[in-house]
N, C-alpha and C. Protein backbone atom coordinates (compact mmCIF):
# COMPACT_ATOMS: atom_id res chain seq x y z
N MET A 1 -145.45 -43.02 142.07
CA MET A 1 -144.21 -43.13 141.25
C MET A 1 -144.24 -43.91 139.97
N GLN A 2 -144.95 -45.11 139.93
CA GLN A 2 -145.15 -45.83 138.76
C GLN A 2 -145.77 -45.12 137.60
N ASN A 3 -146.86 -44.40 137.99
CA ASN A 3 -147.48 -43.54 136.92
C ASN A 3 -146.59 -42.53 136.45
N GLN A 4 -145.67 -41.80 137.15
CA GLN A 4 -144.75 -40.91 136.75
C GLN A 4 -143.81 -41.58 135.86
N LEU A 5 -143.26 -42.71 136.19
CA LEU A 5 -142.26 -43.34 135.21
C LEU A 5 -142.80 -43.84 133.94
N THR A 6 -144.19 -44.34 133.99
CA THR A 6 -144.87 -44.69 132.81
C THR A 6 -145.21 -43.50 131.87
N GLU A 7 -145.64 -42.29 132.46
CA GLU A 7 -145.77 -41.28 131.68
C GLU A 7 -144.51 -40.66 131.03
N ALA A 8 -143.42 -40.87 131.78
CA ALA A 8 -142.10 -40.32 131.24
C ALA A 8 -141.71 -41.14 130.09
N ALA A 9 -141.98 -42.51 130.34
CA ALA A 9 -141.54 -43.43 129.30
C ALA A 9 -142.28 -43.22 127.92
N ARG A 10 -143.60 -42.82 128.17
CA ARG A 10 -144.47 -42.59 127.10
C ARG A 10 -143.93 -41.47 126.13
N LYS A 11 -143.31 -40.57 126.86
CA LYS A 11 -142.70 -39.39 126.08
C LYS A 11 -141.50 -39.76 125.08
N LEU A 12 -141.03 -40.80 125.45
CA LEU A 12 -139.78 -41.19 124.64
C LEU A 12 -140.21 -41.77 123.17
N SER A 13 -139.38 -41.78 122.22
CA SER A 13 -139.63 -42.34 121.02
C SER A 13 -139.65 -43.84 121.23
N ILE A 14 -140.32 -44.47 120.20
CA ILE A 14 -140.36 -46.05 120.26
C ILE A 14 -138.87 -46.56 120.32
N PRO A 15 -137.97 -46.12 119.49
CA PRO A 15 -136.66 -46.81 119.62
C PRO A 15 -136.13 -46.49 120.94
N ASP A 16 -136.28 -45.32 121.55
CA ASP A 16 -135.73 -45.08 122.97
C ASP A 16 -136.42 -45.86 123.96
N ARG A 17 -137.72 -46.20 123.80
CA ARG A 17 -138.39 -47.03 124.67
C ARG A 17 -137.87 -48.51 124.77
N ILE A 18 -137.70 -48.90 123.44
CA ILE A 18 -137.20 -50.23 123.27
C ILE A 18 -135.73 -50.33 123.98
N THR A 19 -134.92 -49.37 123.80
CA THR A 19 -133.57 -49.30 124.51
C THR A 19 -133.73 -49.29 125.93
N LEU A 20 -134.74 -48.50 126.48
CA LEU A 20 -134.99 -48.58 127.88
C LEU A 20 -135.35 -49.93 128.46
N VAL A 21 -136.20 -50.57 127.77
CA VAL A 21 -136.71 -51.91 128.18
C VAL A 21 -135.44 -52.88 128.14
N GLU A 22 -134.67 -52.79 127.20
CA GLU A 22 -133.49 -53.62 127.10
C GLU A 22 -132.50 -53.37 128.28
N GLU A 23 -132.33 -52.14 128.63
CA GLU A 23 -131.53 -51.71 129.79
C GLU A 23 -132.09 -52.33 131.02
N ILE A 24 -133.34 -52.06 131.22
CA ILE A 24 -133.99 -52.63 132.41
C ILE A 24 -133.84 -54.04 132.52
N TRP A 25 -134.20 -54.68 131.43
CA TRP A 25 -134.01 -56.21 131.31
C TRP A 25 -132.53 -56.67 131.75
N ASP A 26 -131.58 -56.11 131.12
CA ASP A 26 -130.21 -56.27 131.48
C ASP A 26 -129.80 -56.12 133.04
N THR A 27 -130.48 -55.20 133.67
CA THR A 27 -130.23 -55.00 135.08
C THR A 27 -130.85 -56.09 135.95
N ILE A 28 -132.03 -56.65 135.49
CA ILE A 28 -132.75 -57.74 135.93
C ILE A 28 -131.92 -58.97 135.83
N ALA A 29 -131.37 -59.27 134.62
CA ALA A 29 -130.69 -60.41 134.40
C ALA A 29 -129.21 -60.44 135.18
N GLU A 30 -128.61 -59.15 135.35
CA GLU A 30 -127.29 -59.13 136.10
C GLU A 30 -127.62 -59.68 137.63
N GLU A 31 -128.85 -59.38 138.03
CA GLU A 31 -129.09 -59.95 139.38
C GLU A 31 -129.68 -61.32 139.37
N ASN A 32 -128.89 -62.31 138.73
CA ASN A 32 -129.22 -63.61 138.57
C ASN A 32 -130.23 -64.17 139.51
N GLN A 33 -130.38 -63.74 140.71
CA GLN A 33 -131.26 -64.31 141.58
C GLN A 33 -132.74 -63.87 141.37
N ALA A 34 -132.94 -62.85 140.36
CA ALA A 34 -134.17 -62.42 140.21
C ALA A 34 -135.29 -63.30 139.67
N PHE A 35 -134.74 -64.39 139.02
CA PHE A 35 -135.69 -65.40 138.33
C PHE A 35 -134.85 -66.67 138.19
N GLU A 36 -135.63 -67.76 138.17
CA GLU A 36 -134.86 -69.03 137.97
C GLU A 36 -135.68 -69.60 136.84
N LEU A 37 -134.96 -70.21 135.85
CA LEU A 37 -135.59 -71.03 134.68
C LEU A 37 -136.03 -72.22 135.14
N THR A 38 -137.18 -72.67 134.58
CA THR A 38 -137.72 -73.91 134.96
C THR A 38 -137.11 -74.99 134.16
N ASP A 39 -137.23 -76.29 134.56
CA ASP A 39 -136.51 -77.33 133.88
C ASP A 39 -136.80 -77.38 132.42
N ALA A 40 -138.21 -77.08 132.04
CA ALA A 40 -138.67 -77.21 130.64
C ALA A 40 -137.92 -75.99 129.85
N GLN A 41 -137.74 -74.85 130.54
CA GLN A 41 -137.10 -73.72 129.89
C GLN A 41 -135.69 -74.17 129.65
N LYS A 42 -134.90 -74.75 130.60
CA LYS A 42 -133.58 -75.09 130.39
C LYS A 42 -133.51 -76.14 129.36
N ARG A 43 -134.32 -77.10 129.24
CA ARG A 43 -134.28 -78.11 128.09
C ARG A 43 -134.47 -77.42 126.81
N GLU A 44 -135.34 -76.36 126.75
CA GLU A 44 -135.72 -75.74 125.48
C GLU A 44 -134.41 -74.99 125.03
N LEU A 45 -133.76 -74.33 125.97
CA LEU A 45 -132.62 -73.59 125.62
C LEU A 45 -131.46 -74.47 125.15
N ASP A 46 -131.35 -75.48 125.82
CA ASP A 46 -130.33 -76.68 125.38
C ASP A 46 -130.67 -77.16 124.07
N ARG A 47 -131.88 -77.38 123.65
CA ARG A 47 -132.30 -77.75 122.53
C ARG A 47 -131.96 -76.76 121.30
N ARG A 48 -132.27 -75.54 121.61
CA ARG A 48 -132.05 -74.52 120.77
C ARG A 48 -130.40 -74.35 120.50
N LEU A 49 -129.79 -74.44 121.54
CA LEU A 49 -128.26 -74.29 121.44
C LEU A 49 -127.61 -75.42 120.58
N GLU A 50 -128.18 -76.57 120.82
CA GLU A 50 -127.67 -77.75 119.99
C GLU A 50 -128.01 -77.59 118.49
N SER A 51 -129.32 -77.08 118.32
CA SER A 51 -129.68 -76.83 116.85
C SER A 51 -128.84 -75.79 116.20
N SER A 52 -128.59 -74.82 116.99
CA SER A 52 -127.67 -73.69 116.39
C SER A 52 -126.31 -74.21 116.10
N ARG A 53 -125.76 -74.96 116.96
CA ARG A 53 -124.36 -75.65 116.76
C ARG A 53 -124.53 -76.50 115.49
N ALA A 54 -125.49 -77.28 115.40
CA ALA A 54 -125.69 -78.27 114.30
C ALA A 54 -125.96 -77.67 112.90
N ASN A 55 -126.64 -76.44 112.90
CA ASN A 55 -126.92 -75.66 111.74
C ASN A 55 -126.37 -74.29 111.85
N PRO A 56 -125.16 -74.03 111.97
CA PRO A 56 -124.57 -72.63 112.11
C PRO A 56 -125.11 -71.66 111.14
N GLY A 57 -125.52 -71.99 109.82
CA GLY A 57 -125.90 -71.00 108.96
C GLY A 57 -127.41 -70.56 108.97
N GLN A 58 -128.19 -71.32 109.86
CA GLN A 58 -129.55 -70.95 109.92
C GLN A 58 -129.84 -69.93 110.90
N GLY A 59 -130.98 -69.16 110.84
CA GLY A 59 -131.35 -68.26 111.79
C GLY A 59 -130.70 -66.81 111.51
N ARG A 60 -130.97 -65.92 112.34
CA ARG A 60 -130.51 -64.51 112.16
C ARG A 60 -130.01 -64.12 113.65
N THR A 61 -129.06 -63.20 113.56
CA THR A 61 -128.51 -62.54 114.80
C THR A 61 -129.59 -61.70 115.37
N TRP A 62 -129.36 -61.41 116.61
CA TRP A 62 -130.22 -60.34 117.26
C TRP A 62 -130.03 -59.09 116.63
N GLU A 63 -128.86 -58.69 116.26
CA GLU A 63 -128.61 -57.42 115.44
C GLU A 63 -129.45 -57.29 114.27
N GLU A 64 -129.59 -58.47 113.41
CA GLU A 64 -130.34 -58.39 112.31
C GLU A 64 -131.88 -58.23 112.58
N ILE A 65 -132.35 -58.93 113.55
CA ILE A 65 -133.73 -58.91 113.81
C ILE A 65 -134.13 -57.47 114.33
N LYS A 66 -133.30 -56.95 115.16
CA LYS A 66 -133.58 -55.65 115.91
C LYS A 66 -133.52 -54.65 114.66
N ALA A 67 -132.59 -54.73 113.75
CA ALA A 67 -132.52 -53.67 112.63
C ALA A 67 -133.76 -53.75 111.82
N GLU A 68 -134.11 -55.03 111.53
CA GLU A 68 -135.46 -55.17 110.74
C GLU A 68 -136.65 -54.60 111.48
N PHE A 69 -136.73 -54.75 112.79
CA PHE A 69 -137.84 -54.33 113.57
C PHE A 69 -137.74 -52.73 113.56
N MET A 70 -136.58 -52.16 113.77
CA MET A 70 -136.40 -50.71 113.76
C MET A 70 -136.74 -50.11 112.48
N ASN A 71 -136.61 -50.76 111.43
CA ASN A 71 -136.76 -50.22 110.07
C ASN A 71 -138.21 -50.40 109.68
N PHE A 72 -138.99 -51.39 110.36
CA PHE A 72 -140.34 -51.67 110.05
C PHE A 72 -141.30 -50.50 110.30
N ARG A 73 -141.04 -49.71 111.23
CA ARG A 73 -141.97 -48.76 111.64
C ARG A 73 -142.08 -47.83 110.46
């Protein structure tokens, strides 16, 4: 079955494959029990959140990054 899914995915366009991966990841994230962050990962996320709050004008949104990537092809 895994080979069939992989082959079906390969037939999709790159943007469609990216969308599929995002949708799969969302289903994993919804099942919050699927993974647990380590303490180091939690600290890093807290650090990044604090940095974002202290410097709201820095960085880019996911939408900006995704659009740039999709136009890069």
